[in-house]
Amino acid sequence: MLNQALDLRETVAAFESRMRLARASEHAAAGRLFEAEALLAPPGGKQPDTWDEIDLLARIRVRQGKFAEAIQLWKQSLRFPGHEEIVAATVESLNAYGDSQFERRRKLMLALVVAWAVIIATTLGWLIVLLIVHLIK
């Protein structure tokens, strides 16, 4: 009888976990990331403890732009066998994306500096021309 009660508790806990994951997936798909995150990892509550929960939470972090947290979550998920290739490919892809974003920002900053330099040089050039014209008169 005690074994049956324990089995029932485990079954109910597994069912609740799956329902929580399903609701979190629906929220995430609808763009309600805060609600999805609250279901998966409530503040001060139970942290995700299955591959599916950790994976979904990591994907939510990516959509929030929190790439480092997403990578950390996926690395934590390596404790579940059978997902090593998926995690490695995802982390590599995310790192490449982050690198390209950094490179894009670096190029944008360089373009802005060059544009300002041209504007300043042009302005100074005209001021010098005006000064020379003024001195000639």
Foldseek 3Di string as FASTA:
>chain_A
DVVVVVVVVVVVVVVVVVVLLVVLVVCVVVVVLVVSCCSQCNVVDDHHDALSSLQSNLVSCVVVVNNVVSLVSLVVNVVDPDCVVVSVVVNVVSVVVVVVVVVVVVVVVVVVVVVVVVVVVVVVVVVVVVVVVVVVD
